Amino acid sequence: MKEKEILSIFNDQYERIGRADREEIHSKGFWHETFHCWIAFRDQGRDMVYFQLRSMGKRDFPGLLDITAAGHLLDHEAVSDGIREVYEELGLAPLTFEDLHPLGALKEELIDGPLIDREWSNVFLLEQHIPFEAFHLQEEEVAGIFAAGLDDVESLIKGGKDSIPVDGFRIRKGKKEYISSKVAWEAFVPHESTYMLQVIDRIRDRLRE
């Protein structure tokens, strides 16, 4: 039987107040700690950001576009331990925690049926243009990688556009299938717009320094 993941519980001031297993935290809506790594780059004057395509085998939000790499921080882990998500999910190496630029700790609530996901998300940026060939995905977690224009994503969230172009690949029968498509907001995990717009602003500020 799979060992339960024990996470720290926090209050809404980001103060640790206890611990519980992941199932209880998501069913009771306790605040907990996560690691988010966005990978973005500036190309010919255009800001671009990578999204992962969640595997169809995922229990929550299968087949939707999401944060480039993310995961829960266990009760005994430091924020820097979150770098493992970049290795495990995307197969990118060698990287160190020092390669990431901190974007701050952001609060987010995501409620979907019985799932009550209240996160203190430690958000980081990896500023790097990574060719699609360099991604080696953990297929039970991630089914593909797609790049989108940062301004396009912002316009989609604010309702200025109904769909935006994305380019990338998905894994089919163990091989990368390259795709150019247009997607609506419904193709993304429904993160709070407040969280997404804060992340976009902070990524943009960093890329344009």
Protein backbone atom coordinates (compact mmCIF):
# COMPACT_ATOMS: atom_id res chain seq x y z
CA MET A 1 0.00 0.00 0.00
CA LYS A 2 1.28 3.45 -0.95
CA GLU A 3 2.60 5.42 2.01
CA LYS A 4 0.50 8.45 2.88
CA GLU A 5 1.95 11.86 2.11
CA ILE A 6 2.13 13.96 5.30
CA LEU A 7 1.93 17.72 4.71
CA SER A 8 2.19 20.71 7.03
CA ILE A 9 -0.98 22.68 7.79
CA PHE A 10 -0.81 26.48 7.78
CA ASN A 11 -3.16 29.30 8.73
CA ASP A 12 -3.98 32.14 6.35
CA GLN A 13 -0.94 34.06 7.64
CA TYR A 14 1.41 31.29 6.45
CA GLU A 15 2.12 30.11 10.00
CA ARG A 16 2.53 26.37 10.54
CA ILE A 17 -0.17 25.02 12.86
CA GLY A 18 -0.09 21.24 12.39
CA ARG A 19 0.21 18.34 9.99
CA ALA A 20 -2.09 15.87 8.25
CA ASP A 21 -2.10 13.48 5.31
CA ARG A 22 -2.82 14.78 1.84
CA GLU A 23 -6.28 13.23 1.59
CA GLU A 24 -7.47 14.90 4.79
CA ILE A 25 -5.96 18.24 3.80
CA HIS A 26 -7.83 18.22 0.47
CA SER A 27 -11.10 17.01 1.93
CA LYS A 28 -11.15 19.51 4.82
CA GLY A 29 -9.61 22.43 2.95
CA PHE A 30 -6.57 23.01 5.14
CA TRP A 31 -3.98 25.49 3.91
CA HIS A 32 -0.81 23.68 2.85
CA GLU A 33 2.45 24.35 1.04
CA THR A 34 3.32 23.75 -2.61
CA PHE A 35 6.13 24.44 -5.07
CA HIS A 36 5.36 25.98 -8.47
CA CYS A 37 7.99 26.38 -11.18
CA TRP A 38 7.08 28.29 -14.33
CA ILE A 39 9.48 28.11 -17.26
CA ALA A 40 9.40 31.14 -19.52
CA PHE A 41 11.61 32.99 -21.98
CA ARG A 42 11.73 36.05 -24.22
CA ASP A 43 12.06 35.38 -27.95
CA GLN A 44 12.29 38.14 -30.56
CA GLY A 45 10.56 40.59 -28.26
CA ARG A 46 7.78 38.17 -27.29
CA ASP A 47 7.33 36.68 -23.81
CA MET A 48 6.58 32.95 -23.90
CA VAL A 49 5.61 30.51 -21.15
CA TYR A 50 5.50 26.70 -21.08
CA PHE A 51 2.51 24.72 -19.79
CA GLN A 52 2.48 21.04 -19.00
CA LEU A 53 -0.35 18.86 -20.29
CA ARG A 54 -1.58 16.74 -17.41
CA SER A 55 -1.77 13.02 -18.03
CA MET A 56 -5.20 11.49 -18.64
CA GLY A 57 -4.40 9.15 -15.75
CA LYS A 58 -4.38 11.99 -13.20
CA ARG A 59 -7.24 11.99 -10.72
CA ASP A 60 -7.58 15.78 -10.71
CA PHE A 61 -7.93 17.78 -13.93
CA PRO A 62 -6.70 15.12 -16.38
CA GLY A 63 -5.82 16.31 -19.86
CA LEU A 64 -5.69 20.01 -18.96
CA LEU A 65 -2.84 22.51 -19.34
CA ASP A 66 -1.17 23.48 -16.07
CA ILE A 67 1.85 25.05 -14.33
CA THR A 68 5.08 23.92 -16.03
CA ALA A 69 6.10 21.86 -12.97
CA ALA A 70 4.50 21.78 -9.53
CA GLY A 71 3.99 19.61 -6.49
CA HIS A 72 3.25 19.43 -2.79
CA LEU A 73 5.95 20.03 -0.19
CA LEU A 74 5.97 17.29 2.44
CA ASP A 75 6.02 18.04 6.16
CA HIS A 76 9.77 17.44 6.44
CA GLU A 77 10.79 19.26 3.25
CA ALA A 78 12.22 22.73 2.64
CA VAL A 79 11.03 24.88 -0.23
CA SER A 80 14.29 24.16 -2.07
CA ASP A 81 13.37 20.46 -2.18
CA GLY A 82 10.66 21.35 -4.68
CA ILE A 83 13.28 21.41 -7.43
CA ARG A 84 12.73 17.64 -7.63
CA GLU A 85 9.43 18.31 -9.45
CA VAL A 86 11.37 19.79 -12.36
CA TYR A 87 13.57 16.69 -12.56
CA GLU A 88 10.80 14.17 -12.04
CA GLU A 89 8.02 15.64 -14.19
CA LEU A 90 10.01 17.23 -17.00
CA GLY A 91 13.29 15.31 -16.99
CA LEU A 92 15.34 18.50 -17.08
CA ALA A 93 18.86 18.33 -15.67
CA PRO A 94 21.24 19.51 -14.50
CA LEU A 95 19.48 22.31 -12.64
CA THR A 96 19.93 23.67 -9.16
CA PHE A 97 17.59 25.61 -6.92
CA GLU A 98 19.87 28.61 -7.46
CA ASP A 99 18.92 28.58 -11.16
CA LEU A 100 15.38 29.59 -10.20
CA HIS A 101 14.22 33.16 -9.64
CA PRO A 102 11.76 33.53 -6.72
CA LEU A 103 8.43 35.16 -7.57
CA GLY A 104 7.03 35.05 -4.03
CA ALA A 105 4.54 33.04 -1.98
CA LEU A 106 0.98 33.34 -3.31
CA LYS A 107 -2.31 32.14 -1.83
CA GLU A 108 -4.72 30.23 -4.03
CA GLU A 109 -7.98 28.36 -3.54
CA LEU A 110 -9.15 25.80 -6.07
CA ILE A 111 -12.42 24.01 -5.29
CA ASP A 112 -13.69 21.23 -7.54
CA GLY A 113 -16.39 18.99 -6.07
CA PRO A 114 -14.94 17.18 -3.02
CA LEU A 115 -11.49 18.68 -3.68
CA ILE A 116 -10.84 21.79 -1.56
CA ASP A 117 -7.31 22.81 -2.47
CA ARG A 118 -6.03 25.79 -0.44
CA GLU A 119 -2.38 26.43 -1.19
CA TRP A 120 0.45 28.63 -0.07
CA SER A 121 2.35 28.35 -3.35
CA ASN A 122 6.08 29.11 -3.42
CA VAL A 123 6.38 30.34 -7.00
CA PHE A 124 9.60 30.33 -9.02
CA LEU A 125 10.66 31.16 -12.54
CA LEU A 126 13.20 29.30 -14.64
CA GLU A 127 14.13 31.79 -17.35
CA GLN A 128 15.25 29.53 -20.15
CA HIS A 129 14.30 28.71 -23.74
CA ILE A 130 14.24 24.92 -23.70
CA PRO A 131 13.79 23.04 -26.99
CA PHE A 132 10.93 20.57 -26.93
CA GLU A 133 13.41 17.77 -27.66
CA ALA A 134 15.07 18.37 -24.28
CA PHE A 135 11.97 17.46 -22.26
CA HIS A 136 11.84 13.85 -21.03
CA LEU A 137 8.46 13.54 -19.40
CA GLN A 138 7.24 11.38 -16.53
CA GLU A 139 4.36 10.08 -18.63
CA GLU A 140 2.11 8.96 -15.77
CA GLU A 141 2.11 12.60 -14.64
CA VAL A 142 2.71 14.70 -17.76
CA ALA A 143 1.49 13.98 -21.30
CA GLY A 144 2.99 16.94 -23.15
CA ILE A 145 4.46 20.45 -23.12
CA PHE A 146 3.03 23.51 -24.87
CA ALA A 147 4.28 27.09 -25.23
CA ALA A 148 1.98 30.12 -25.33
CA GLY A 149 2.48 33.87 -25.50
CA LEU A 150 2.29 35.48 -22.07
CA ASP A 151 0.20 38.37 -23.39
CA ASP A 152 -2.17 35.90 -25.06
CA VAL A 153 -2.68 34.00 -21.79
CA GLU A 154 -3.40 37.25 -19.97
CA SER A 155 -5.94 38.28 -22.61
CA LEU A 156 -7.60 34.85 -22.41
CA ILE A 157 -7.98 35.16 -18.62
CA LYS A 158 -9.38 38.69 -18.85
CA GLY A 159 -11.84 37.72 -21.59
CA GLY A 160 -10.20 39.70 -24.36
CA LYS A 161 -9.77 36.56 -26.46
CA ASP A 162 -11.84 33.38 -26.78
CA SER A 163 -8.86 31.23 -27.75
CA ILE A 164 -5.09 31.50 -28.19
CA PRO A 165 -2.46 29.63 -30.24
CA VAL A 166 -0.19 27.10 -28.55
CA ASP A 167 2.68 25.06 -29.94
CA GLY A 168 4.23 21.95 -28.46
CA PHE A 169 3.97 18.20 -28.27
CA ARG A 170 2.09 15.41 -26.60
CA ILE A 171 3.20 11.83 -26.06
CA ARG A 172 1.37 9.22 -28.12
CA LYS A 173 2.47 5.60 -27.98
CA GLY A 174 5.76 6.64 -26.42
CA LYS A 175 6.67 9.19 -29.10
CA LYS A 176 6.41 12.99 -29.27
CA GLU A 177 3.70 14.23 -31.59
CA TYR A 178 4.21 17.91 -32.42
CA ILE A 179 1.09 20.06 -32.50
CA SER A 180 0.09 23.65 -33.28
CA SER A 181 -3.41 24.40 -32.07
CA LYS A 182 -5.76 26.97 -30.58
CA VAL A 183 -7.18 26.50 -27.10
CA ALA A 184 -9.85 28.18 -24.96
CA TRP A 185 -9.63 28.86 -21.22
CA GLU A 186 -11.50 25.60 -20.62
CA ALA A 187 -8.36 23.75 -21.77
CA PHE A 188 -6.48 24.97 -18.67
CA VAL A 189 -6.68 23.91 -15.03
CA PRO A 190 -9.06 26.49 -13.49
CA HIS A 191 -6.55 28.32 -11.31
CA GLU A 192 -7.82 31.51 -9.70
CA SER A 193 -7.48 34.42 -12.09
CA THR A 194 -5.91 36.47 -9.27
CA TYR A 195 -3.10 33.91 -8.95
CA MET A 196 -2.57 33.66 -12.70
CA LEU A 197 -2.48 37.41 -13.27
CA GLN A 198 -0.02 37.92 -10.42
CA VAL A 199 2.24 35.23 -11.87
CA ILE A 200 2.03 36.73 -15.35
CA ASP A 201 2.93 40.20 -14.07
CA ARG A 202 5.90 38.86 -12.11
CA ILE A 203 7.18 36.74 -14.99
CA ARG A 204 6.85 39.67 -17.37
CA ASP A 205 8.72 42.00 -15.03
CA ARG A 206 11.56 39.50 -14.72
CA LEU A 207 11.82 38.76 -18.45
CA ARG A 208 11.97 42.46 -19.29
CA GLU A 209 14.62 43.43 -16.75
